[in-house]
Amino acid sequence: NVRAAALEQSVVLNISADLPFAAARFCETEGIDGVEALSMMRDR
């Protein structure tokens, strides 16, 4: 979030098995706004 999020024409995808609700709560609590959280919830 700190190191890569400001790079132009780039996206940082944080991929985990976490439920989207938990990932959203984590990002909000931690102030993570430069990384997009993605979940394997529907498909491994």
ModelCIF file with pLDDT and N, C-alpha, C, O atoms, coordinates in Angstrom:
data_MODEL
#
_entry.id   MODEL 
#
_entity.id                         1 
_entity.type                       polymer 
_entity.pdbx_number_of_molecules   1 
#
_entity_poly.entity_id                      1 
_entity_poly.type                           'polypeptide(L)' 
_entity_poly.nstd_linkage                   no 
_entity_poly.nstd_monomer                   no 
_entity_poly.pdbx_seq_one_letter_code       NVRAAALEQSVVLNISADLPFAAARFCETEGIDGVEALSMMRDR 
_entity_poly.pdbx_seq_one_letter_code_can   NVRAAALEQSVVLNISADLPFAAARFCETEGIDGVEALSMMRDR 
_entity_poly.pdbx_strand_id                 A 
#
loop_
_entity_poly_seq.entity_id 
_entity_poly_seq.num 
_entity_poly_seq.mon_id 
_entity_poly_seq.hetero 
1 1  ASN n 
1 2  VAL n 
1 3  ARG n 
1 4  ALA n 
1 5  ALA n 
1 6  ALA n 
1 7  LEU n 
1 8  GLU n 
1 9  GLN n 
1 10 SER n 
1 11 VAL n 
1 12 VAL n 
1 13 LEU n 
1 14 ASN n 
1 15 ILE n 
1 16 SER n 
1 17 ALA n 
1 18 ASP n 
1 19 LEU n 
1 20 PRO n 
1 21 PHE n 
1 22 ALA n 
1 23 ALA n 
1 24 ALA n 
1 25 ARG n 
1 26 PHE n 
1 27 CYS n 
1 28 GLU n 
1 29 THR n 
1 30 GLU n 
1 31 GLY n 
1 32 ILE n 
1 33 ASP n 
1 34 GLY n 
1 35 VAL n 
1 36 GLU n 
1 37 ALA n 
1 38 LEU n 
1 39 SER n 
1 40 MET n 
1 41 MET n 
1 42 ARG n 
1 43 ASP n 
1 44 ARG n 
#
_struct_asym.id          A 
_struct_asym.entity_id   1 
#
loop_
_ma_qa_metric.id 
_ma_qa_metric.mode 
_ma_qa_metric.name 
_ma_qa_metric.software_group_id 
_ma_qa_metric.type 
1 global pLDDT . pLDDT 
2 local  pLDDT . pLDDT 
#
_ma_qa_metric_global.metric_id      1 
_ma_qa_metric_global.metric_value   88.36 
_ma_qa_metric_global.model_id       1 
_ma_qa_metric_global.ordinal_id     1 
#
loop_
_ma_qa_metric_local.label_asym_id 
_ma_qa_metric_local.label_comp_id 
_ma_qa_metric_local.label_seq_id 
_ma_qa_metric_local.metric_id 
_ma_qa_metric_local.metric_value 
_ma_qa_metric_local.model_id 
_ma_qa_metric_local.ordinal_id 
A ASN 1  2 78.00 1 1  
A VAL 2  2 83.00 1 2  
A ARG 3  2 79.00 1 3  
A ALA 4  2 71.00 1 4  
A ALA 5  2 64.00 1 5  
A ALA 6  2 68.00 1 6  
A LEU 7  2 77.00 1 7  
A GLU 8  2 77.00 1 8  
A GLN 9  2 83.00 1 9  
A SER 10 2 88.00 1 10 
A VAL 11 2 91.00 1 11 
A VAL 12 2 92.00 1 12 
A LEU 13 2 95.00 1 13 
A ASN 14 2 94.00 1 14 
A ILE 15 2 96.00 1 15 
A SER 16 2 95.00 1 16 
A ALA 17 2 94.00 1 17 
A ASP 18 2 93.00 1 18 
A LEU 19 2 95.00 1 19 
A PRO 20 2 95.00 1 20 
A PHE 21 2 94.00 1 21 
A ALA 22 2 93.00 1 22 
A ALA 23 2 93.00 1 23 
A ALA 24 2 92.00 1 24 
A ARG 25 2 92.00 1 25 
A PHE 26 2 89.00 1 26 
A CYS 27 2 87.00 1 27 
A GLU 28 2 90.00 1 28 
A THR 29 2 90.00 1 29 
A GLU 30 2 88.00 1 30 
A GLY 31 2 87.00 1 31 
A ILE 32 2 86.00 1 32 
A ASP 33 2 86.00 1 33 
A GLY 34 2 86.00 1 34 
A VAL 35 2 90.00 1 35 
A GLU 36 2 92.00 1 36 
A ALA 37 2 95.00 1 37 
A LEU 38 2 97.00 1 38 
A SER 39 2 97.00 1 39 
A MET 40 2 96.00 1 40 
A MET 41 2 94.00 1 41 
A ARG 42 2 93.00 1 42 
A ASP 43 2 86.00 1 43 
A ARG 44 2 87.00 1 44 
#
loop_
_atom_site.group_PDB 
_atom_site.id 
_atom_site.type_symbol 
_atom_site.label_atom_id 
_atom_site.label_alt_id 
_atom_site.label_comp_id 
_atom_site.label_asym_id 
_atom_site.label_entity_id 
_atom_site.label_seq_id 
_atom_site.pdbx_PDB_ins_code 
_atom_site.Cartn_x 
_atom_site.Cartn_y 
_atom_site.Cartn_z 
_atom_site.occupancy 
_atom_site.B_iso_or_equiv 
_atom_site.pdbx_formal_charge 
_atom_site.auth_seq_id 
_atom_site.auth_comp_id 
_atom_site.auth_asym_id 
_atom_site.auth_atom_id 
_atom_site.pdbx_PDB_model_num 
ATOM 1   N N  . ASN A 1 1  ? 0.829   -1.195  0.000   1.00 78.00 ? 1  ASN A N  1 
ATOM 2   C CA . ASN A 1 1  ? 0.000   0.000   0.000   1.00 78.00 ? 1  ASN A CA 1 
ATOM 3   C C  . ASN A 1 1  ? 0.868   1.251   0.000   1.00 78.00 ? 1  ASN A C  1 
ATOM 4   O O  . ASN A 1 1  ? 0.581   2.210   -0.717  1.00 78.00 ? 1  ASN A O  1 
ATOM 5   N N  . VAL A 1 2  ? 1.916   1.244   0.794   1.00 83.00 ? 2  VAL A N  1 
ATOM 6   C CA . VAL A 1 2  ? 2.799   2.403   0.894   1.00 83.00 ? 2  VAL A CA 1 
ATOM 7   C C  . VAL A 1 2  ? 3.759   2.484   -0.287  1.00 83.00 ? 2  VAL A C  1 
ATOM 8   O O  . VAL A 1 2  ? 3.957   3.562   -0.848  1.00 83.00 ? 2  VAL A O  1 
ATOM 9   N N  . ARG A 1 3  ? 4.350   1.371   -0.668  1.00 79.00 ? 3  ARG A N  1 
ATOM 10  C CA . ARG A 1 3  ? 5.439   1.375   -1.640  1.00 79.00 ? 3  ARG A CA 1 
ATOM 11  C C  . ARG A 1 3  ? 5.008   1.395   -3.099  1.00 79.00 ? 3  ARG A C  1 
ATOM 12  O O  . ARG A 1 3  ? 5.672   2.025   -3.921  1.00 79.00 ? 3  ARG A O  1 
ATOM 13  N N  . ALA A 1 4  ? 3.930   0.732   -3.437  1.00 71.00 ? 4  ALA A N  1 
ATOM 14  C CA . ALA A 1 4  ? 3.604   0.558   -4.853  1.00 71.00 ? 4  ALA A CA 1 
ATOM 15  C C  . ALA A 1 4  ? 2.349   1.280   -5.300  1.00 71.00 ? 4  ALA A C  1 
ATOM 16  O O  . ALA A 1 4  ? 2.151   1.489   -6.497  1.00 71.00 ? 4  ALA A O  1 
ATOM 17  N N  . ALA A 1 5  ? 1.523   1.655   -4.389  1.00 64.00 ? 5  ALA A N  1 
ATOM 18  C CA . ALA A 1 5  ? 0.210   2.184   -4.761  1.00 64.00 ? 5  ALA A CA 1 
ATOM 19  C C  . ALA A 1 5  ? 0.287   3.474   -5.575  1.00 64.00 ? 5  ALA A C  1 
ATOM 20  O O  . ALA A 1 5  ? -0.616  3.743   -6.368  1.00 64.00 ? 5  ALA A O  1 
ATOM 21  N N  . ALA A 1 6  ? 1.314   4.262   -5.409  1.00 68.00 ? 6  ALA A N  1 
ATOM 22  C CA . ALA A 1 6  ? 1.405   5.547   -6.103  1.00 68.00 ? 6  ALA A CA 1 
ATOM 23  C C  . ALA A 1 6  ? 1.995   5.430   -7.507  1.00 68.00 ? 6  ALA A C  1 
ATOM 24  O O  . ALA A 1 6  ? 2.032   6.419   -8.239  1.00 68.00 ? 6  ALA A O  1 
ATOM 25  N N  . LEU A 1 7  ? 2.450   4.259   -7.890  1.00 77.00 ? 7  LEU A N  1 
ATOM 26  C CA . LEU A 1 7  ? 3.051   4.101   -9.211  1.00 77.00 ? 7  LEU A CA 1 
ATOM 27  C C  . LEU A 1 7  ? 1.972   4.206   -10.290 1.00 77.00 ? 7  LEU A C  1 
ATOM 28  O O  . LEU A 1 7  ? 0.915   3.583   -10.191 1.00 77.00 ? 7  LEU A O  1 
ATOM 29  N N  . GLU A 1 8  ? 2.257   4.997   -11.313 1.00 77.00 ? 8  GLU A N  1 
ATOM 30  C CA . GLU A 1 8  ? 1.268   5.243   -12.364 1.00 77.00 ? 8  GLU A CA 1 
ATOM 31  C C  . GLU A 1 8  ? 1.059   4.016   -13.239 1.00 77.00 ? 8  GLU A C  1 
ATOM 32  O O  . GLU A 1 8  ? 1.971   3.216   -13.447 1.00 77.00 ? 8  GLU A O  1 
ATOM 33  N N  . GLN A 1 9  ? -0.157  3.887   -13.742 1.00 83.00 ? 9  GLN A N  1 
ATOM 34  C CA . GLN A 1 9  ? -0.542  2.799   -14.646 1.00 83.00 ? 9  GLN A CA 1 
ATOM 35  C C  . GLN A 1 9  ? -0.255  1.425   -14.052 1.00 83.00 ? 9  GLN A C  1 
ATOM 36  O O  . GLN A 1 9  ? 0.064   0.476   -14.768 1.00 83.00 ? 9  GLN A O  1 
ATOM 37  N N  . SER A 1 10 ? -0.376  1.339   -12.743 1.00 88.00 ? 10 SER A N  1 
ATOM 38  C CA . SER A 1 10 ? -0.131  0.085   -12.034 1.00 88.00 ? 10 SER A CA 1 
ATOM 39  C C  . SER A 1 10 ? -1.264  -0.167  -11.051 1.00 88.00 ? 10 SER A C  1 
ATOM 40  O O  . SER A 1 10 ? -1.926  0.760   -10.584 1.00 88.00 ? 10 SER A O  1 
ATOM 41  N N  . VAL A 1 11 ? -1.466  -1.425  -10.754 1.00 91.00 ? 11 VAL A N  1 
ATOM 42  C CA . VAL A 1 11 ? -2.457  -1.803  -9.760  1.00 91.00 ? 11 VAL A CA 1 
ATOM 43  C C  . VAL A 1 11 ? -1.852  -2.901  -8.897  1.00 91.00 ? 11 VAL A C  1 
ATOM 44  O O  . VAL A 1 11 ? -1.172  -3.797  -9.398  1.00 91.00 ? 11 VAL A O  1 
ATOM 45  N N  . VAL A 1 12 ? -2.105  -2.823  -7.607  1.00 92.00 ? 12 VAL A N  1 
ATOM 46  C CA . VAL A 1 12 ? -1.663  -3.855  -6.681  1.00 92.00 ? 12 VAL A CA 1 
ATOM 47  C C  . VAL A 1 12 ? -2.894  -4.627  -6.241  1.00 92.00 ? 12 VAL A C  1 
ATOM 48  O O  . VAL A 1 12 ? -3.830  -4.054  -5.683  1.00 92.00 ? 12 VAL A O  1 
ATOM 49  N N  . LEU A 1 13 ? -2.890  -5.927  -6.495  1.00 95.00 ? 13 LEU A N  1 
ATOM 50  C CA . LEU A 1 13 ? -4.004  -6.798  -6.151  1.00 95.00 ? 13 LEU A CA 1 
ATOM 51  C C  . LEU A 1 13 ? -3.572  -7.715  -5.026  1.00 95.00 ? 13 LEU A C  1 
ATOM 52  O O  . LEU A 1 13 ? -2.636  -8.499  -5.182  1.00 95.00 ? 13 LEU A O  1 
ATOM 53  N N  . ASN A 1 14 ? -4.241  -7.622  -3.903  1.00 94.00 ? 14 ASN A N  1 
ATOM 54  C CA . ASN A 1 14 ? -3.962  -8.498  -2.770  1.00 94.00 ? 14 ASN A CA 1 
ATOM 55  C C  . ASN A 1 14 ? -4.984  -9.631  -2.822  1.00 94.00 ? 14 ASN A C  1 
ATOM 56  O O  . ASN A 1 14 ? -6.177  -9.411  -2.613  1.00 94.00 ? 14 ASN A O  1 
ATOM 57  N N  . ILE A 1 15 ? -4.514  -10.827 -3.099  1.00 96.00 ? 15 ILE A N  1 
ATOM 58  C CA . ILE A 1 15 ? -5.397  -11.965 -3.346  1.00 96.00 ? 15 ILE A CA 1 
ATOM 59  C C  . ILE A 1 15 ? -5.284  -12.955 -2.194  1.00 96.00 ? 15 ILE A C  1 
ATOM 60  O O  . ILE A 1 15 ? -4.192  -13.392 -1.830  1.00 96.00 ? 15 ILE A O  1 
ATOM 61  N N  . SER A 1 16 ? -6.456  -13.303 -1.621  1.00 95.00 ? 16 SER A N  1 
ATOM 62  C CA . SER A 1 16 ? -6.476  -14.235 -0.495  1.00 95.00 ? 16 SER A CA 1 
ATOM 63  C C  . SER A 1 16 ? -7.775  -15.026 -0.517  1.00 95.00 ? 16 SER A C  1 
ATOM 64  O O  . SER A 1 16 ? -8.639  -14.812 -1.367  1.00 95.00 ? 16 SER A O  1 
ATOM 65  N N  . ALA A 1 17 ? -7.893  -15.933 0.426   1.00 94.00 ? 17 ALA A N  1 
ATOM 66  C CA . ALA A 1 17 ? -9.125  -16.701 0.590   1.00 94.00 ? 17 ALA A CA 1 
ATOM 67  C C  . ALA A 1 17 ? -10.095 -15.996 1.539   1.00 94.00 ? 17 ALA A C  1 
ATOM 68  O O  . ALA A 1 17 ? -11.180 -16.511 1.809   1.00 94.00 ? 17 ALA A O  1 
ATOM 69  N N  . ASP A 1 18 ? -9.716  -14.838 2.040   1.00 93.00 ? 18 ASP A N  1 
ATOM 70  C CA . ASP A 1 18 ? -10.588 -14.109 2.965   1.00 93.00 ? 18 ASP A CA 1 
ATOM 71  C C  . ASP A 1 18 ? -11.915 -13.761 2.306   1.00 93.00 ? 18 ASP A C  1 
ATOM 72  O O  . ASP A 1 18 ? -11.971 -13.506 1.103   1.00 93.00 ? 18 ASP A O  1 
ATOM 73  N N  . LEU A 1 19 ? -12.970 -13.751 3.088   1.00 95.00 ? 19 LEU A N  1 
ATOM 74  C CA . LEU A 1 19 ? -14.252 -13.283 2.582   1.00 95.00 ? 19 LEU A CA 1 
ATOM 75  C C  . LEU A 1 19 ? -14.137 -11.801 2.234   1.00 95.00 ? 19 LEU A C  1 
ATOM 76  O O  . LEU A 1 19 ? -13.412 -11.073 2.912   1.00 95.00 ? 19 LEU A O  1 
ATOM 77  N N  . PRO A 1 20 ? -14.820 -11.346 1.214   1.00 95.00 ? 20 PRO A N  1 
ATOM 78  C CA . PRO A 1 20 ? -14.749 -9.936  0.840   1.00 95.00 ? 20 PRO A CA 1 
ATOM 79  C C  . PRO A 1 20 ? -15.098 -8.993  1.986   1.00 95.00 ? 20 PRO A C  1 
ATOM 80  O O  . PRO A 1 20 ? -14.530 -7.906  2.082   1.00 95.00 ? 20 PRO A O  1 
ATOM 81  N N  . PHE A 1 21 ? -16.025 -9.393  2.856   1.00 94.00 ? 21 PHE A N  1 
ATOM 82  C CA . PHE A 1 21 ? -16.407 -8.546  3.989   1.00 94.00 ? 21 PHE A CA 1 
ATOM 83  C C  . PHE A 1 21 ? -15.225 -8.346  4.936   1.00 94.00 ? 21 PHE A C  1 
ATOM 84  O O  . PHE A 1 21 ? -14.972 -7.233  5.398   1.00 94.00 ? 21 PHE A O  1 
ATOM 85  N N  . ALA A 1 22 ? -14.516 -9.411  5.216   1.00 93.00 ? 22 ALA A N  1 
ATOM 86  C CA . ALA A 1 22 ? -13.359 -9.334  6.111   1.00 93.00 ? 22 ALA A CA 1 
ATOM 87  C C  . ALA A 1 22 ? -12.244 -8.513  5.470   1.00 93.00 ? 22 ALA A C  1 
ATOM 88  O O  . ALA A 1 22 ? -11.598 -7.712  6.146   1.00 93.00 ? 22 ALA A O  1 
ATOM 89  N N  . ALA A 1 23 ? -12.014 -8.706  4.171   1.00 93.00 ? 23 ALA A N  1 
ATOM 90  C CA . ALA A 1 23 ? -10.978 -7.942  3.472   1.00 93.00 ? 23 ALA A CA 1 
ATOM 91  C C  . ALA A 1 23 ? -11.321 -6.451  3.479   1.00 93.00 ? 23 ALA A C  1 
ATOM 92  O O  . ALA A 1 23 ? -10.446 -5.614  3.700   1.00 93.00 ? 23 ALA A O  1 
ATOM 93  N N  . ALA A 1 24 ? -12.583 -6.121  3.239   1.00 92.00 ? 24 ALA A N  1 
ATOM 94  C CA . ALA A 1 24 ? -13.002 -4.717  3.255   1.00 92.00 ? 24 ALA A CA 1 
ATOM 95  C C  . ALA A 1 24 ? -12.804 -4.108  4.635   1.00 92.00 ? 24 ALA A C  1 
ATOM 96  O O  . ALA A 1 24 ? -12.325 -2.980  4.755   1.00 92.00 ? 24 ALA A O  1 
ATOM 97  N N  . ARG A 1 25 ? -13.169 -4.844  5.670   1.00 92.00 ? 25 ARG A N  1 
ATOM 98  C CA . ARG A 1 25 ? -13.007 -4.363  7.046   1.00 92.00 ? 25 ARG A CA 1 
ATOM 99  C C  . ARG A 1 25 ? -11.523 -4.150  7.358   1.00 92.00 ? 25 ARG A C  1 
ATOM 100 O O  . ARG A 1 25 ? -11.155 -3.142  7.962   1.00 92.00 ? 25 ARG A O  1 
ATOM 101 N N  . PHE A 1 26 ? -10.674 -5.093  6.951   1.00 89.00 ? 26 PHE A N  1 
ATOM 102 C CA . PHE A 1 26 ? -9.232  -4.963  7.163   1.00 89.00 ? 26 PHE A CA 1 
ATOM 103 C C  . PHE A 1 26 ? -8.719  -3.690  6.481   1.00 89.00 ? 26 PHE A C  1 
ATOM 104 O O  . PHE A 1 26 ? -8.025  -2.885  7.102   1.00 89.00 ? 26 PHE A O  1 
ATOM 105 N N  . CYS A 1 27 ? -9.061  -3.516  5.208   1.00 87.00 ? 27 CYS A N  1 
ATOM 106 C CA . CYS A 1 27 ? -8.564  -2.359  4.463   1.00 87.00 ? 27 CYS A CA 1 
ATOM 107 C C  . CYS A 1 27 ? -9.041  -1.045  5.095   1.00 87.00 ? 27 CYS A C  1 
ATOM 108 O O  . CYS A 1 27 ? -8.278  -0.082  5.178   1.00 87.00 ? 27 CYS A O  1 
ATOM 109 N N  . GLU A 1 28 ? -10.274 -1.008  5.529   1.00 90.00 ? 28 GLU A N  1 
ATOM 110 C CA . GLU A 1 28 ? -10.796 0.203   6.157   1.00 90.00 ? 28 GLU A CA 1 
ATOM 111 C C  . GLU A 1 28 ? -10.085 0.476   7.485   1.00 90.00 ? 28 GLU A C  1 
ATOM 112 O O  . GLU A 1 28 ? -9.663  1.604   7.741   1.00 90.00 ? 28 GLU A O  1 
ATOM 113 N N  . THR A 1 29 ? -9.954  -0.533  8.313   1.00 90.00 ? 29 THR A N  1 
ATOM 114 C CA . THR A 1 29 ? -9.306  -0.383  9.620   1.00 90.00 ? 29 THR A CA 1 
ATOM 115 C C  . THR A 1 29 ? -7.849  0.032   9.480   1.00 90.00 ? 29 THR A C  1 
ATOM 116 O O  . THR A 1 29 ? -7.357  0.859   10.246  1.00 90.00 ? 29 THR A O  1 
ATOM 117 N N  . GLU A 1 30 ? -7.157  -0.548  8.493   1.00 88.00 ? 30 GLU A N  1 
ATOM 118 C CA . GLU A 1 30 ? -5.723  -0.292  8.318   1.00 88.00 ? 30 GLU A CA 1 
ATOM 119 C C  . GLU A 1 30 ? -5.421  0.912   7.424   1.00 88.00 ? 30 GLU A C  1 
ATOM 120 O O  . GLU A 1 30 ? -4.259  1.288   7.272   1.00 88.00 ? 30 GLU A O  1 
ATOM 121 N N  . GLY A 1 31 ? -6.444  1.517   6.835   1.00 87.00 ? 31 GLY A N  1 
ATOM 122 C CA . GLY A 1 31 ? -6.221  2.645   5.934   1.00 87.00 ? 31 GLY A CA 1 
ATOM 123 C C  . GLY A 1 31 ? -5.591  2.230   4.618   1.00 87.00 ? 31 GLY A C  1 
ATOM 124 O O  . GLY A 1 31 ? -4.847  2.999   4.009   1.00 87.00 ? 31 GLY A O  1 
ATOM 125 N N  . ILE A 1 32 ? -5.884  1.033   4.183   1.00 86.00 ? 32 ILE A N  1 
ATOM 126 C CA . ILE A 1 32 ? -5.336  0.510   2.925   1.00 86.00 ? 32 ILE A CA 1 
ATOM 127 C C  . ILE A 1 32 ? -6.245  0.996   1.797   1.00 86.00 ? 32 ILE A C  1 
ATOM 128 O O  . ILE A 1 32 ? -7.376  0.532   1.654   1.00 86.00 ? 32 ILE A O  1 
ATOM 129 N N  . ASP A 1 33 ? -5.737  1.931   1.002   1.00 86.00 ? 33 ASP A N  1 
ATOM 130 C CA . ASP A 1 33 ? -6.544  2.437   -0.105  1.00 86.00 ? 33 ASP A CA 1 
ATOM 131 C C  . ASP A 1 33 ? -5.833  2.355   -1.443  1.00 86.00 ? 33 ASP A C  1 
ATOM 132 O O  . ASP A 1 33 ? -6.406  2.717   -2.471  1.00 86.00 ? 33 ASP A O  1 
ATOM 133 N N  . GLY A 1 34 ? -4.595  1.886   -1.445  1.00 86.00 ? 34 GLY A N  1 
ATOM 134 C CA . GLY A 1 34 ? -3.832  1.772   -2.683  1.00 86.00 ? 34 GLY A CA 1 
ATOM 135 C C  . GLY A 1 34 ? -3.673  0.339   -3.148  1.00 86.00 ? 34 GLY A C  1 
ATOM 136 O O  . GLY A 1 34 ? -2.976  0.074   -4.127  1.00 86.00 ? 34 GLY A O  1 
ATOM 137 N N  . VAL A 1 35 ? -4.306  -0.575  -2.460  1.00 90.00 ? 35 VAL A N  1 
ATOM 138 C CA . VAL A 1 35 ? -4.249  -1.991  -2.803  1.00 90.00 ? 35 VAL A CA 1 
ATOM 139 C C  . VAL A 1 35 ? -5.681  -2.480  -2.918  1.00 90.00 ? 35 VAL A C  1 
ATOM 140 O O  . VAL A 1 35 ? -6.511  -2.178  -2.061  1.00 90.00 ? 35 VAL A O  1 
ATOM 141 N N  . GLU A 1 36 ? -5.979  -3.233  -3.967  1.00 92.00 ? 36 GLU A N  1 
ATOM 142 C CA . GLU A 1 36 ? -7.317  -3.786  -4.127  1.00 92.00 ? 36 GLU A CA 1 
ATOM 143 C C  . GLU A 1 36 ? -7.341  -5.212  -3.587  1.00 92.00 ? 36 GLU A C  1 
ATOM 144 O O  . GLU A 1 36 ? -6.568  -6.064  -4.026  1.00 92.00 ? 36 GLU A O  1 
ATOM 145 N N  . ALA A 1 37 ? -8.223  -5.459  -2.643  1.00 95.00 ? 37 ALA A N  1 
ATOM 146 C CA . ALA A 1 37 ? -8.350  -6.793  -2.049  1.00 95.00 ? 37 ALA A CA 1 
ATOM 147 C C  . ALA A 1 37 ? -9.295  -7.636  -2.899  1.00 95.00 ? 37 ALA A C  1 
ATOM 148 O O  . ALA A 1 37 ? -10.407 -7.212  -3.214  1.00 95.00 ? 37 ALA A O  1 
ATOM 149 N N  . LEU A 1 38 ? -8.843  -8.830  -3.267  1.00 97.00 ? 38 LEU A N  1 
ATOM 150 C CA . LEU A 1 38 ? -9.636  -9.764  -4.049  1.00 97.00 ? 38 LEU A CA 1 
ATOM 151 C C  . LEU A 1 38 ? -9.715  -11.094 -3.321  1.00 97.00 ? 38 LEU A C  1 
ATOM 152 O O  . LEU A 1 38 ? -8.767  -11.507 -2.653  1.00 97.00 ? 38 LEU A O  1 
ATOM 153 N N  . SER A 1 39 ? -10.850 -11.759 -3.455  1.00 97.00 ? 39 SER A N  1 
ATOM 154 C CA . SER A 1 39 ? -11.112 -13.000 -2.734  1.00 97.00 ? 39 SER A CA 1 
ATOM 155 C C  . SER A 1 39 ? -11.319 -14.177 -3.674  1.00 97.00 ? 39 SER A C  1 
ATOM 156 O O  . SER A 1 39 ? -11.853 -14.032 -4.774  1.00 97.00 ? 39 SER A O  1 
ATOM 157 N N  . MET A 1 40 ? -10.885 -15.347 -3.215  1.00 96.00 ? 40 MET A N  1 
ATOM 158 C CA . MET A 1 40 ? -11.149 -16.606 -3.909  1.00 96.00 ? 40 MET A CA 1 
ATOM 159 C C  . MET A 1 40 ? -12.441 -17.232 -3.397  1.00 96.00 ? 40 MET A C  1 
ATOM 160 O O  . MET A 1 40 ? -12.650 -18.434 -3.561  1.00 96.00 ? 40 MET A O  1 
ATOM 161 N N  . MET A 1 41 ? -13.301 -16.443 -2.788  1.00 94.00 ? 41 MET A N  1 
ATOM 162 C CA . MET A 1 41 ? -14.509 -16.919 -2.132  1.00 94.00 ? 41 MET A CA 1 
ATOM 163 C C  . MET A 1 41 ? -15.330 -17.869 -3.005  1.00 94.00 ? 41 MET A C  1 
ATOM 164 O O  . MET A 1 41 ? -15.795 -18.899 -2.517  1.00 94.00 ? 41 MET A O  1 
ATOM 165 N N  . ARG A 1 42 ? -15.514 -17.549 -4.258  1.00 93.00 ? 42 ARG A N  1 
ATOM 166 C CA . ARG A 1 42 ? -16.397 -18.329 -5.125  1.00 93.00 ? 42 ARG A CA 1 
ATOM 167 C C  . ARG A 1 42 ? -15.698 -19.447 -5.867  1.00 93.00 ? 42 ARG A C  1 
ATOM 168 O O  . ARG A 1 42 ? -16.354 -20.348 -6.390  1.00 93.00 ? 42 ARG A O  1 
ATOM 169 N N  . ASP A 1 43 ? -14.376 -19.404 -5.923  1.00 86.00 ? 43 ASP A N  1 
ATOM 170 C CA . ASP A 1 43 ? -13.684 -20.351 -6.793  1.00 86.00 ? 43 ASP A CA 1 
ATOM 171 C C  . ASP A 1 43 ? -12.208 -20.443 -6.411  1.00 86.00 ? 43 ASP A C  1 
ATOM 172 O O  . ASP A 1 43 ? -11.505 -19.433 -6.383  1.00 86.00 ? 43 ASP A O  1 
ATOM 173 N N  . ARG A 1 44 ? -11.748 -21.643 -6.121  1.00 87.00 ? 44 ARG A N  1 
ATOM 174 C CA . ARG A 1 44 ? -10.339 -21.846 -5.763  1.00 87.00 ? 44 ARG A CA 1 
ATOM 175 C C  . ARG A 1 44 ? -9.467  -22.132 -6.995  1.00 87.00 ? 44 ARG A C  1 
ATOM 176 O O  . ARG A 1 44 ? -8.258  -22.326 -6.865  1.00 87.00 ? 44 ARG A O  1 
#
